Every structure is written in structure tokens, then in C-alpha cells.
N, C-alpha and C. Protein backbone atom coordinates (compact mmCIF):
# COMPACT_ATOMS: atom_id res chain seq x y z
N MET A 1 89.44 83.43 102.28
CA MET A 1 90.31 84.34 103.01
C MET A 1 90.19 85.77 102.49
N ALA A 2 89.41 85.96 101.41
CA ALA A 2 89.32 87.28 100.81
C ALA A 2 88.54 88.23 101.70
N ARG A 3 88.86 89.51 101.62
CA ARG A 3 88.19 90.53 102.41
C ARG A 3 87.47 91.45 101.47
N ARG A 4 86.25 91.79 101.79
CA ARG A 4 85.47 92.64 100.92
C ARG A 4 85.24 93.99 101.59
N HIS A 5 85.48 95.09 100.87
CA HIS A 5 85.29 96.42 101.41
C HIS A 5 84.12 97.14 100.71
N VAL A 6 83.49 96.47 99.76
CA VAL A 6 82.41 97.09 99.01
C VAL A 6 81.19 96.19 99.03
N ARG A 7 80.03 96.72 99.36
CA ARG A 7 78.78 95.98 99.31
C ARG A 7 77.85 96.65 98.31
N TRP A 8 77.15 95.83 97.56
CA TRP A 8 76.19 96.36 96.59
C TRP A 8 74.79 96.11 97.15
N ILE A 9 73.99 97.18 97.25
CA ILE A 9 72.65 97.07 97.79
C ILE A 9 71.67 97.57 96.73
N ALA A 10 70.73 96.75 96.37
CA ALA A 10 69.74 97.14 95.37
C ALA A 10 68.52 97.72 96.09
N LEU A 11 68.13 98.95 95.75
CA LEU A 11 67.00 99.62 96.36
C LEU A 11 65.94 99.88 95.30
N VAL A 12 64.68 99.59 95.65
CA VAL A 12 63.57 99.90 94.76
C VAL A 12 63.03 101.26 95.15
N ALA A 13 63.12 102.21 94.25
CA ALA A 13 62.69 103.58 94.52
C ALA A 13 61.41 103.88 93.76
N VAL A 14 60.44 104.44 94.44
CA VAL A 14 59.19 104.83 93.79
C VAL A 14 59.28 106.33 93.51
N LEU A 15 59.33 106.70 92.25
CA LEU A 15 59.49 108.08 91.86
C LEU A 15 58.14 108.78 91.82
N PRO A 16 58.12 110.12 91.95
CA PRO A 16 56.85 110.86 91.91
C PRO A 16 56.05 110.61 90.65
N SER A 17 56.71 110.34 89.56
CA SER A 17 56.03 110.12 88.29
C SER A 17 55.49 108.71 88.17
N THR A 18 55.52 107.96 89.29
CA THR A 18 55.07 106.57 89.37
C THR A 18 55.92 105.62 88.57
N VAL A 19 57.07 106.14 88.07
CA VAL A 19 57.99 105.25 87.37
C VAL A 19 58.81 104.51 88.42
N ILE A 20 58.79 103.22 88.39
CA ILE A 20 59.53 102.41 89.35
C ILE A 20 60.88 102.08 88.75
N GLY A 21 61.93 102.48 89.42
CA GLY A 21 63.28 102.20 88.92
C GLY A 21 64.07 101.40 89.93
N LEU A 22 65.01 100.69 89.45
CA LEU A 22 65.91 99.92 90.30
C LEU A 22 67.24 100.65 90.38
N LEU A 23 67.53 101.15 91.57
CA LEU A 23 68.76 101.91 91.77
C LEU A 23 69.79 101.05 92.46
N THR A 24 71.00 101.11 92.00
CA THR A 24 72.11 100.39 92.63
C THR A 24 72.98 101.38 93.37
N VAL A 25 73.12 101.14 94.65
CA VAL A 25 73.88 102.05 95.49
C VAL A 25 75.13 101.34 95.98
N VAL A 26 76.26 102.01 95.91
CA VAL A 26 77.51 101.47 96.38
C VAL A 26 77.78 102.00 97.78
N VAL A 27 77.96 101.09 98.73
CA VAL A 27 78.27 101.49 100.09
C VAL A 27 79.73 101.14 100.36
N ILE A 28 80.54 102.13 100.65
CA ILE A 28 81.96 101.93 100.87
C ILE A 28 82.23 101.76 102.35
N SER A 29 82.93 100.71 102.69
CA SER A 29 83.27 100.46 104.09
C SER A 29 84.27 101.49 104.58
N ASN A 30 84.09 101.93 105.84
CA ASN A 30 85.02 102.87 106.44
C ASN A 30 86.19 102.19 107.12
N ALA A 31 86.23 100.84 107.05
CA ALA A 31 87.30 100.12 107.74
C ALA A 31 88.65 100.47 107.12
N ALA A 32 89.62 100.65 107.98
CA ALA A 32 90.97 100.96 107.52
C ALA A 32 91.58 99.72 106.86
N PRO A 33 92.38 99.89 105.82
CA PRO A 33 93.02 98.74 105.18
C PRO A 33 93.94 98.02 106.15
N VAL A 34 94.03 96.71 106.01
CA VAL A 34 94.88 95.91 106.87
C VAL A 34 96.32 96.06 106.42
N ALA A 35 97.20 96.42 107.34
CA ALA A 35 98.61 96.65 106.99
C ALA A 35 99.24 95.40 106.40
N GLY A 36 98.86 94.23 106.90
CA GLY A 36 99.44 92.98 106.43
C GLY A 36 98.91 92.51 105.10
N CYS A 37 98.11 93.34 104.44
CA CYS A 37 97.64 93.02 103.09
C CYS A 37 98.18 93.99 102.06
N GLY A 38 98.92 94.98 102.50
CA GLY A 38 99.41 96.00 101.59
C GLY A 38 100.71 95.60 100.91
N PRO A 39 101.14 96.40 99.96
CA PRO A 39 102.39 96.11 99.26
C PRO A 39 103.59 96.26 100.18
N VAL A 40 104.63 95.49 99.91
CA VAL A 40 105.87 95.59 100.68
C VAL A 40 106.72 96.66 100.01
N ASP A 41 106.70 97.86 100.58
CA ASP A 41 107.35 99.00 99.92
C ASP A 41 108.61 99.46 100.62
N ALA A 42 109.15 98.64 101.51
CA ALA A 42 110.41 98.98 102.18
C ALA A 42 111.27 97.73 102.28
N ALA A 43 112.57 97.92 102.27
CA ALA A 43 113.50 96.78 102.37
C ALA A 43 113.38 96.14 103.75
N ILE A 44 113.47 94.82 103.79
CA ILE A 44 113.41 94.07 105.04
C ILE A 44 114.83 93.80 105.51
N GLU A 45 115.13 94.21 106.73
CA GLU A 45 116.46 94.01 107.29
C GLU A 45 116.55 92.61 107.88
N GLU A 46 117.54 91.84 107.43
CA GLU A 46 117.70 90.47 107.87
C GLU A 46 119.08 90.26 108.49
N SER A 47 119.19 89.21 109.29
CA SER A 47 120.48 88.85 109.86
C SER A 47 121.39 88.32 108.76
N ASP A 48 122.68 88.67 108.84
CA ASP A 48 123.64 88.16 107.86
C ASP A 48 124.40 86.95 108.39
N VAL A 49 123.91 86.38 109.51
CA VAL A 49 124.53 85.20 110.09
C VAL A 49 124.02 83.95 109.37
N PHE A 50 124.93 83.07 108.96
CA PHE A 50 124.52 81.81 108.34
C PHE A 50 125.65 80.80 108.51
N ALA A 51 125.30 79.54 108.29
CA ALA A 51 126.30 78.46 108.38
C ALA A 51 126.58 77.95 106.97
N PRO A 52 127.80 78.10 106.47
CA PRO A 52 128.13 77.58 105.14
C PRO A 52 127.87 76.08 105.06
N ALA A 53 127.52 75.61 103.88
CA ALA A 53 127.16 74.20 103.70
C ALA A 53 128.27 73.27 104.18
N GLY A 54 129.53 73.61 103.92
CA GLY A 54 130.64 72.73 104.28
C GLY A 54 130.96 72.70 105.76
N GLN A 55 130.36 73.60 106.54
CA GLN A 55 130.66 73.66 107.97
C GLN A 55 129.55 73.12 108.84
N ARG A 56 128.45 72.67 108.24
CA ARG A 56 127.36 72.14 109.04
C ARG A 56 127.61 70.68 109.37
N LEU A 57 127.25 70.28 110.60
CA LEU A 57 127.46 68.90 111.02
C LEU A 57 126.47 67.95 110.37
N THR A 58 125.29 68.44 110.07
CA THR A 58 124.27 67.62 109.42
C THR A 58 123.70 68.37 108.23
N SER A 59 123.11 67.64 107.33
CA SER A 59 122.46 68.24 106.17
C SER A 59 120.99 67.86 106.16
N PRO A 60 120.10 68.79 105.79
CA PRO A 60 118.67 68.45 105.76
C PRO A 60 118.38 67.40 104.70
N LEU A 61 117.34 66.63 104.95
CA LEU A 61 116.91 65.65 103.96
C LEU A 61 116.48 66.37 102.68
N ASP A 62 116.76 65.76 101.55
CA ASP A 62 116.44 66.39 100.26
C ASP A 62 115.85 65.34 99.32
N PRO A 63 114.65 64.84 99.63
CA PRO A 63 114.04 63.80 98.81
C PRO A 63 113.46 64.36 97.52
N PRO A 64 113.17 63.51 96.56
CA PRO A 64 112.46 63.97 95.37
C PRO A 64 111.09 64.51 95.74
N VAL A 65 110.67 65.58 95.09
CA VAL A 65 109.35 66.16 95.35
C VAL A 65 108.26 65.13 95.14
N THR A 66 108.40 64.31 94.10
CA THR A 66 107.33 63.38 93.72
C THR A 66 107.44 62.01 94.40
N ALA A 67 108.24 61.93 95.47
CA ALA A 67 108.34 60.65 96.19
C ALA A 67 106.99 60.25 96.77
N ASN A 68 106.16 61.24 97.09
CA ASN A 68 104.79 61.02 97.55
C ASN A 68 103.90 62.03 96.86
N GLY A 69 102.60 61.74 96.84
CA GLY A 69 101.66 62.71 96.31
C GLY A 69 101.20 62.40 94.90
N ILE A 70 100.59 63.43 94.28
CA ILE A 70 99.95 63.24 92.99
C ILE A 70 99.84 64.59 92.27
N ALA A 71 99.77 64.56 90.96
CA ALA A 71 99.70 65.79 90.17
C ALA A 71 98.26 66.12 89.77
N LEU A 72 97.34 66.03 90.73
CA LEU A 72 95.93 66.28 90.45
C LEU A 72 95.41 67.39 91.36
N PRO A 73 95.17 68.60 90.83
CA PRO A 73 94.72 69.70 91.68
C PRO A 73 93.35 69.46 92.31
N GLU A 74 92.52 68.61 91.68
CA GLU A 74 91.17 68.41 92.21
C GLU A 74 91.15 67.70 93.55
N VAL A 75 92.24 67.07 93.96
CA VAL A 75 92.27 66.42 95.27
C VAL A 75 92.61 67.41 96.38
N VAL A 76 93.02 68.62 96.02
CA VAL A 76 93.36 69.63 97.02
C VAL A 76 92.06 70.18 97.61
N PRO A 77 91.93 70.27 98.94
CA PRO A 77 90.72 70.83 99.55
C PRO A 77 90.42 72.22 98.99
N ASP A 78 89.13 72.51 98.81
CA ASP A 78 88.73 73.77 98.19
C ASP A 78 89.27 75.00 98.91
N ASP A 79 89.35 74.93 100.25
CA ASP A 79 89.72 76.12 101.01
C ASP A 79 91.20 76.46 100.94
N VAL A 80 91.99 75.60 100.30
CA VAL A 80 93.43 75.89 100.18
C VAL A 80 93.92 75.65 98.74
N ARG A 81 93.00 75.35 97.84
CA ARG A 81 93.41 75.09 96.45
C ARG A 81 93.77 76.38 95.74
N ILE A 82 94.95 76.41 95.14
CA ILE A 82 95.45 77.57 94.42
C ILE A 82 95.86 77.13 93.02
N GLU A 83 95.43 77.87 92.00
CA GLU A 83 95.77 77.51 90.63
C GLU A 83 97.22 77.85 90.29
N SER A 84 97.69 78.98 90.78
CA SER A 84 99.06 79.38 90.47
C SER A 84 99.56 80.37 91.52
N ILE A 85 100.86 80.44 91.67
CA ILE A 85 101.51 81.41 92.55
C ILE A 85 102.66 82.04 91.77
N ASP A 86 102.69 83.36 91.76
CA ASP A 86 103.74 84.11 91.06
C ASP A 86 103.84 83.70 89.59
N GLY A 87 102.70 83.40 89.00
CA GLY A 87 102.66 83.01 87.59
C GLY A 87 103.02 81.56 87.33
N LEU A 88 103.32 80.79 88.39
CA LEU A 88 103.70 79.38 88.23
C LEU A 88 102.48 78.51 88.49
N PRO A 89 102.13 77.62 87.57
CA PRO A 89 100.95 76.78 87.76
C PRO A 89 101.18 75.65 88.76
N PHE A 90 100.07 75.17 89.31
CA PHE A 90 100.12 74.00 90.19
C PHE A 90 100.72 72.81 89.45
N ARG A 91 101.60 72.06 90.17
CA ARG A 91 102.21 70.87 89.56
C ARG A 91 102.08 69.61 90.41
N TRP A 92 102.01 69.77 91.74
CA TRP A 92 102.07 68.57 92.59
C TRP A 92 101.46 68.88 93.95
N VAL A 93 100.91 67.84 94.58
CA VAL A 93 100.39 68.00 95.94
C VAL A 93 100.64 66.74 96.74
N VAL A 94 100.98 66.93 98.01
CA VAL A 94 101.09 65.83 98.97
C VAL A 94 100.08 66.12 100.07
N LEU A 95 99.21 65.15 100.36
CA LEU A 95 98.20 65.30 101.40
C LEU A 95 98.64 64.54 102.64
N GLY A 96 98.58 65.20 103.80
CA GLY A 96 98.96 64.58 105.06
C GLY A 96 97.76 64.37 105.95
N LEU A 97 98.02 64.12 107.22
CA LEU A 97 96.96 63.85 108.18
C LEU A 97 96.30 65.14 108.66
N SER A 98 95.03 65.03 109.01
CA SER A 98 94.28 66.12 109.66
C SER A 98 94.28 67.42 108.86
N GLY A 99 94.25 67.32 107.55
CA GLY A 99 94.15 68.51 106.72
C GLY A 99 95.47 69.10 106.27
N ALA A 100 96.58 68.42 106.51
CA ALA A 100 97.87 68.91 106.02
C ALA A 100 97.92 68.83 104.50
N VAL A 101 98.38 69.90 103.87
CA VAL A 101 98.45 69.97 102.41
C VAL A 101 99.75 70.65 102.01
N TYR A 102 100.49 70.03 101.07
CA TYR A 102 101.75 70.59 100.60
C TYR A 102 101.67 70.69 99.07
N GLN A 103 101.65 71.93 98.56
CA GLN A 103 101.49 72.15 97.13
C GLN A 103 102.77 72.72 96.52
N TYR A 104 103.00 72.35 95.25
CA TYR A 104 104.22 72.75 94.55
C TYR A 104 103.85 73.39 93.21
N PHE A 105 104.51 74.52 92.93
CA PHE A 105 104.21 75.31 91.74
C PHE A 105 105.50 75.56 90.97
N LEU A 106 105.46 75.27 89.67
CA LEU A 106 106.65 75.39 88.83
C LEU A 106 106.20 75.70 87.40
N ASP A 107 107.11 76.27 86.60
CA ASP A 107 106.74 76.64 85.23
C ASP A 107 106.77 75.47 84.27
N SER A 108 107.12 74.28 84.75
CA SER A 108 107.13 73.08 83.90
C SER A 108 106.83 71.87 84.78
N PRO A 109 106.44 70.73 84.19
CA PRO A 109 106.22 69.53 85.00
C PRO A 109 107.45 69.16 85.82
N ILE A 110 107.23 68.58 86.99
CA ILE A 110 108.32 68.23 87.89
C ILE A 110 108.85 66.85 87.54
N PRO A 111 110.12 66.74 87.15
CA PRO A 111 110.69 65.42 86.85
C PRO A 111 110.68 64.53 88.10
N ALA A 112 110.60 63.24 87.88
CA ALA A 112 110.52 62.30 89.00
C ALA A 112 111.74 62.37 89.90
N SER A 113 112.89 62.73 89.35
CA SER A 113 114.12 62.75 90.14
C SER A 113 114.42 64.10 90.80
N MET A 114 113.60 65.13 90.54
CA MET A 114 113.90 66.47 91.05
C MET A 114 113.72 66.54 92.56
N THR A 115 114.78 66.91 93.27
CA THR A 115 114.71 67.02 94.72
C THR A 115 114.10 68.37 95.11
N VAL A 116 113.80 68.51 96.39
CA VAL A 116 113.20 69.75 96.88
C VAL A 116 114.14 70.94 96.64
N SER A 117 115.44 70.76 96.92
CA SER A 117 116.37 71.86 96.70
C SER A 117 116.49 72.20 95.21
N GLU A 118 116.46 71.21 94.35
CA GLU A 118 116.50 71.45 92.91
C GLU A 118 115.23 72.16 92.45
N PHE A 119 114.12 71.77 93.04
CA PHE A 119 112.84 72.40 92.72
C PHE A 119 112.88 73.89 93.07
N LEU A 120 113.35 74.23 94.27
CA LEU A 120 113.45 75.63 94.66
C LEU A 120 114.49 76.36 93.81
N GLY A 121 115.59 75.67 93.47
CA GLY A 121 116.60 76.27 92.62
C GLY A 121 116.11 76.55 91.22
N ALA A 122 115.12 75.79 90.77
CA ALA A 122 114.54 76.00 89.44
C ALA A 122 113.48 77.10 89.45
N GLY A 123 113.30 77.76 90.60
CA GLY A 123 112.33 78.85 90.68
C GLY A 123 110.99 78.44 91.22
N GLY A 124 110.86 77.20 91.72
CA GLY A 124 109.58 76.72 92.22
C GLY A 124 109.17 77.37 93.52
N ILE A 125 107.88 77.30 93.80
CA ILE A 125 107.29 77.80 95.05
C ILE A 125 106.58 76.65 95.74
N GLN A 126 106.82 76.49 97.04
CA GLN A 126 106.14 75.47 97.84
C GLN A 126 105.24 76.18 98.84
N PHE A 127 103.98 75.72 98.94
CA PHE A 127 102.99 76.32 99.85
C PHE A 127 102.41 75.20 100.71
N ASP A 128 102.64 75.29 102.02
CA ASP A 128 102.25 74.23 102.95
C ASP A 128 101.18 74.71 103.92
N ARG A 129 100.32 73.76 104.34
CA ARG A 129 99.38 74.00 105.42
C ARG A 129 99.39 72.81 106.36
N ASP A 130 99.60 73.07 107.65
CA ASP A 130 99.61 72.03 108.67
C ASP A 130 98.67 72.42 109.80
N PRO A 131 97.98 71.45 110.42
CA PRO A 131 97.13 71.78 111.57
C PRO A 131 97.97 72.36 112.71
N ALA A 132 97.50 73.46 113.28
CA ALA A 132 98.19 74.04 114.44
C ALA A 132 97.86 73.21 115.67
N GLN A 133 98.79 73.17 116.60
CA GLN A 133 98.59 72.45 117.86
C GLN A 133 97.92 73.39 118.86
N GLY A 134 96.61 73.26 119.01
CA GLY A 134 95.87 74.15 119.89
C GLY A 134 95.92 75.56 119.36
N THR A 135 96.31 76.50 120.21
CA THR A 135 96.41 77.89 119.79
C THR A 135 97.84 78.27 119.42
N GLU A 136 98.71 77.29 119.30
CA GLU A 136 100.11 77.55 119.02
C GLU A 136 100.31 78.16 117.63
N SER A 137 101.10 79.20 117.55
CA SER A 137 101.50 79.80 116.29
C SER A 137 102.95 79.44 116.04
N PHE A 138 103.21 78.75 114.95
CA PHE A 138 104.60 78.38 114.65
C PHE A 138 105.45 79.62 114.39
N ALA A 139 104.84 80.66 113.81
CA ALA A 139 105.58 81.90 113.58
C ALA A 139 106.04 82.50 114.91
N GLU A 140 105.16 82.53 115.89
CA GLU A 140 105.53 83.06 117.21
C GLU A 140 106.63 82.22 117.84
N TYR A 141 106.55 80.91 117.66
CA TYR A 141 107.58 80.02 118.20
C TYR A 141 108.94 80.34 117.57
N LEU A 142 108.97 80.52 116.26
CA LEU A 142 110.24 80.83 115.58
C LEU A 142 110.80 82.17 116.04
N LEU A 143 109.93 83.15 116.20
CA LEU A 143 110.39 84.46 116.63
C LEU A 143 110.98 84.39 118.04
N ALA A 144 110.43 83.50 118.87
CA ALA A 144 110.90 83.39 120.25
C ALA A 144 112.19 82.58 120.37
N THR A 145 112.46 81.73 119.38
CA THR A 145 113.60 80.81 119.52
C THR A 145 114.77 81.10 118.58
N LEU A 146 114.52 81.76 117.46
CA LEU A 146 115.59 81.97 116.47
C LEU A 146 116.29 83.32 116.60
N GLY A 147 115.79 84.17 117.46
CA GLY A 147 116.45 85.47 117.62
C GLY A 147 116.45 86.26 116.32
N ASP A 148 117.62 86.80 115.96
CA ASP A 148 117.73 87.63 114.76
C ASP A 148 117.56 86.85 113.47
N ARG A 149 117.60 85.53 113.55
CA ARG A 149 117.45 84.72 112.33
C ARG A 149 116.01 84.72 111.82
N ALA A 150 115.07 85.20 112.62
CA ALA A 150 113.67 85.32 112.19
C ALA A 150 113.24 86.78 112.29
N VAL A 151 112.57 87.27 111.26
CA VAL A 151 112.11 88.66 111.21
C VAL A 151 110.60 88.67 111.40
N ARG A 152 110.14 89.49 112.32
CA ARG A 152 108.70 89.63 112.56
C ARG A 152 108.08 90.47 111.44
N VAL A 153 107.03 89.95 110.81
CA VAL A 153 106.34 90.65 109.73
C VAL A 153 104.84 90.51 109.95
N GLU A 154 104.08 91.28 109.19
CA GLU A 154 102.62 91.20 109.24
C GLU A 154 102.12 90.48 108.00
N VAL A 155 101.26 89.48 108.24
CA VAL A 155 100.64 88.73 107.14
C VAL A 155 99.14 88.75 107.38
N ASP A 156 98.41 89.52 106.59
CA ASP A 156 97.01 89.78 106.87
C ASP A 156 96.91 90.35 108.29
N GLU A 157 96.08 89.78 109.14
CA GLU A 157 95.95 90.28 110.51
C GLU A 157 96.81 89.46 111.49
N HIS A 158 97.74 88.69 110.95
CA HIS A 158 98.47 87.74 111.78
C HIS A 158 99.96 88.11 111.87
N VAL A 159 100.57 87.63 112.95
CA VAL A 159 102.01 87.76 113.10
C VAL A 159 102.68 86.71 112.21
N GLY A 160 103.64 87.14 111.43
CA GLY A 160 104.38 86.22 110.57
C GLY A 160 105.85 86.21 110.94
N ALA A 161 106.53 85.15 110.55
CA ALA A 161 107.97 85.04 110.75
C ALA A 161 108.62 84.76 109.40
N LEU A 162 109.62 85.55 109.07
CA LEU A 162 110.35 85.40 107.81
C LEU A 162 111.77 84.95 108.14
N THR A 163 112.19 83.84 107.56
CA THR A 163 113.54 83.32 107.81
C THR A 163 114.28 83.16 106.49
N TRP A 164 115.61 83.15 106.59
CA TRP A 164 116.48 83.00 105.42
C TRP A 164 117.32 81.76 105.65
N ALA A 165 117.12 80.75 104.83
CA ALA A 165 117.78 79.46 105.04
C ALA A 165 119.29 79.57 104.87
N ASP A 166 120.01 78.66 105.51
CA ASP A 166 121.45 78.55 105.27
C ASP A 166 121.69 78.14 103.82
N PRO A 167 122.82 78.50 103.24
CA PRO A 167 123.08 78.16 101.84
C PRO A 167 123.16 76.64 101.63
N ASP A 168 122.64 76.19 100.49
CA ASP A 168 122.81 74.79 100.14
C ASP A 168 124.14 74.62 99.40
N GLU A 169 124.37 73.45 98.84
CA GLU A 169 125.65 73.18 98.17
C GLU A 169 125.89 74.10 96.98
N GLN A 170 124.82 74.63 96.39
CA GLN A 170 124.96 75.54 95.26
C GLN A 170 124.94 77.01 95.70
N GLY A 171 124.87 77.23 97.00
CA GLY A 171 124.88 78.60 97.51
C GLY A 171 123.52 79.26 97.54
N ARG A 172 122.46 78.53 97.22
CA ARG A 172 121.12 79.10 97.23
C ARG A 172 120.62 79.23 98.66
N ARG A 173 119.91 80.32 98.95
CA ARG A 173 119.35 80.56 100.28
C ARG A 173 117.87 80.95 100.14
N PRO A 174 116.98 79.98 100.06
CA PRO A 174 115.56 80.29 99.94
C PRO A 174 115.03 81.02 101.17
N HIS A 175 114.01 81.80 100.98
CA HIS A 175 113.30 82.43 102.09
C HIS A 175 112.09 81.58 102.47
N HIS A 176 111.80 81.56 103.77
CA HIS A 176 110.65 80.85 104.31
C HIS A 176 109.77 81.84 105.04
N LEU A 177 108.48 81.80 104.79
CA LEU A 177 107.52 82.67 105.47
C LEU A 177 106.48 81.82 106.17
N TYR A 178 106.20 82.15 107.46
CA TYR A 178 105.26 81.37 108.26
C TYR A 178 104.21 82.28 108.88
N TRP A 179 102.96 81.80 108.95
CA TRP A 179 101.90 82.49 109.69
C TRP A 179 100.84 81.46 110.08
N THR A 180 99.98 81.83 111.02
CA THR A 180 98.93 80.94 111.51
C THR A 180 97.58 81.62 111.34
N SER A 181 96.60 80.86 110.83
CA SER A 181 95.26 81.41 110.60
C SER A 181 94.24 80.28 110.61
N GLY A 182 93.13 80.49 111.30
CA GLY A 182 92.03 79.54 111.26
C GLY A 182 92.38 78.14 111.70
N GLY A 183 93.28 78.00 112.67
CA GLY A 183 93.65 76.69 113.17
C GLY A 183 94.71 75.97 112.37
N TYR A 184 95.34 76.67 111.41
CA TYR A 184 96.38 76.05 110.59
C TYR A 184 97.63 76.92 110.59
N ASN A 185 98.78 76.25 110.54
CA ASN A 185 100.05 76.93 110.29
C ASN A 185 100.32 76.88 108.79
N TYR A 186 100.64 78.03 108.22
CA TYR A 186 100.95 78.12 106.79
C TYR A 186 102.43 78.42 106.60
N ALA A 187 102.99 77.91 105.51
CA ALA A 187 104.40 78.17 105.20
C ALA A 187 104.54 78.34 103.69
N LEU A 188 105.37 79.29 103.30
CA LEU A 188 105.63 79.56 101.89
C LEU A 188 107.15 79.57 101.70
N TYR A 189 107.63 78.78 100.74
CA TYR A 189 109.07 78.65 100.50
C TYR A 189 109.38 79.04 99.06
N GLY A 190 110.46 79.78 98.87
CA GLY A 190 110.86 80.13 97.52
C GLY A 190 112.21 80.81 97.49
N ASP A 191 112.94 80.63 96.41
CA ASP A 191 114.23 81.30 96.22
C ASP A 191 113.93 82.68 95.63
N ARG A 192 113.34 83.52 96.47
CA ARG A 192 112.96 84.89 96.13
C ARG A 192 113.53 85.82 97.19
N SER A 193 113.49 87.11 96.93
CA SER A 193 113.91 88.07 97.93
C SER A 193 112.91 88.06 99.09
N ALA A 194 113.33 88.60 100.23
CA ALA A 194 112.44 88.67 101.38
C ALA A 194 111.18 89.44 101.04
N GLU A 195 111.33 90.54 100.31
CA GLU A 195 110.18 91.36 99.96
C GLU A 195 109.24 90.63 99.02
N GLU A 196 109.79 89.87 98.08
CA GLU A 196 108.95 89.13 97.13
C GLU A 196 108.19 88.01 97.82
N ILE A 197 108.84 87.27 98.71
CA ILE A 197 108.15 86.15 99.35
C ILE A 197 107.08 86.66 100.31
N LEU A 198 107.31 87.80 100.98
CA LEU A 198 106.29 88.38 101.86
C LEU A 198 105.11 88.89 101.03
N THR A 199 105.38 89.48 99.89
CA THR A 199 104.29 89.94 99.03
C THR A 199 103.41 88.78 98.60
N LEU A 200 104.03 87.67 98.20
CA LEU A 200 103.27 86.49 97.78
C LEU A 200 102.46 85.93 98.95
N GLY A 201 103.08 85.88 100.14
CA GLY A 201 102.37 85.37 101.30
C GLY A 201 101.17 86.23 101.65
N ARG A 202 101.31 87.54 101.56
CA ARG A 202 100.18 88.43 101.83
C ARG A 202 99.07 88.24 100.82
N GLU A 203 99.42 88.04 99.56
CA GLU A 203 98.40 87.81 98.54
C GLU A 203 97.62 86.53 98.83
N LEU A 204 98.31 85.52 99.30
CA LEU A 204 97.64 84.27 99.65
C LEU A 204 96.75 84.46 100.87
N ALA A 205 97.30 85.03 101.94
CA ALA A 205 96.55 85.17 103.18
C ALA A 205 95.37 86.12 103.06
N CYS A 206 95.50 87.13 102.22
CA CYS A 206 94.45 88.14 102.09
C CYS A 206 93.45 87.80 100.98
N GLY A 207 93.67 86.70 100.31
CA GLY A 207 92.68 86.22 99.36
C GLY A 207 92.88 86.63 97.92
N SER A 208 93.94 87.38 97.61
CA SER A 208 94.13 87.82 96.24
C SER A 208 94.37 86.69 95.27
N LEU A 209 94.95 85.57 95.76
CA LEU A 209 95.23 84.43 94.88
C LEU A 209 94.20 83.33 95.02
N ALA A 210 93.23 83.49 95.92
CA ALA A 210 92.25 82.42 96.16
C ALA A 210 91.19 82.41 95.07
């Protein structure tokens, strides 16, 4: 996913003195930088609407992270394998059908009983990849259906959707970032600020962490 703006071209030059030298020339691309790869230097305005935990009719499932999967990074496909995110090393992966991959990053091993909400509360980062259905972009779908609850952002050259989860029982509200690229829907989850989670997503999509 990395983008290169510099090419190195080796030229053999024959000098008048018959001395043959190898010259290295740097050719700088004139392409403008991609806005969705730059730093997030402005505050993101989000909706302040949410449903308190005690007022929701249903609660999301909160299984242990390690209920499925394995703690072996070598089983992760090369095109989506990441050693660390935000300084947190790889700890766990769940592999699904048709190339679905769900990776978990934390500063310590994940206990067998740690649930997904506890994992995010402990500062963990979850990075998911799912096959897109045809040309469908999940980010575009969220933007069309969630109204102000989803914020349109740029992630590399793609449209992204940034959402702020309803508070859990401990009052935590993780941010979720979604974008579609190369036939896959990507999602990044973390109890970080909107600006921090978008920065991490851009680093992933633009190849800085690959």
C-alpha cells in the first residue's frame, strides 16, 4: 500500500577524459501529496448524540478476544500483516472466510478471559479486513445511513467513515474508522481520539506501517 515519490536511476556517463563513472540521479515526482495521507492537523467535529448504556434495549456481544484465533503472526497474509500499531505489538489474529483477517495489538499478552471491550479499555487496537461485496464501500454505506453519527474523512485516496461508539458500562467510547481499498473493507477500532484513530488509519492505508 506504500506510495513512492522518489525513483533512483543509475546512469553510466562517459567523461571526456575517458573516465567512466557511475552517476546516481534522483528524480523527484511532481505528483501532489495525497490529502488522505497527511497529518491530521485540525479538530474533527463529531455528533454529541449517544445512547447511555443503561438506556439501550440491547447490548452488543462482548466475547473474549481469544475465543477464536491464534497468537501467531506468521499465519497473517503478507499483504495485511502488521508488526505493531501505535507502538503496540501484534498479539492475536482471527482468520475468517475469503481473506477476512482480524488482528489485535496490545502492550502485553491478551489473557484468555479478556473481552473485546476490556481489550479496548486496556488501550488495545483492533484492525480488521473483510471482503467487500462487489463494489460496495462500507464507509459509504455508513455515511448514507448514520447521518451525523458518521463523519466523512479521507483515508489515502478513499472515502472513510469515522464513528464514535455509544458508551459501554464503564463509559468508554471507542472510535471506529472504516475505508475500502482493493476489494476489501478495512476497519480500525481503538479508545483513542478521533484525530489519533484517523492518523493511525492513514498510516496503515498509505503504507507507513506496512
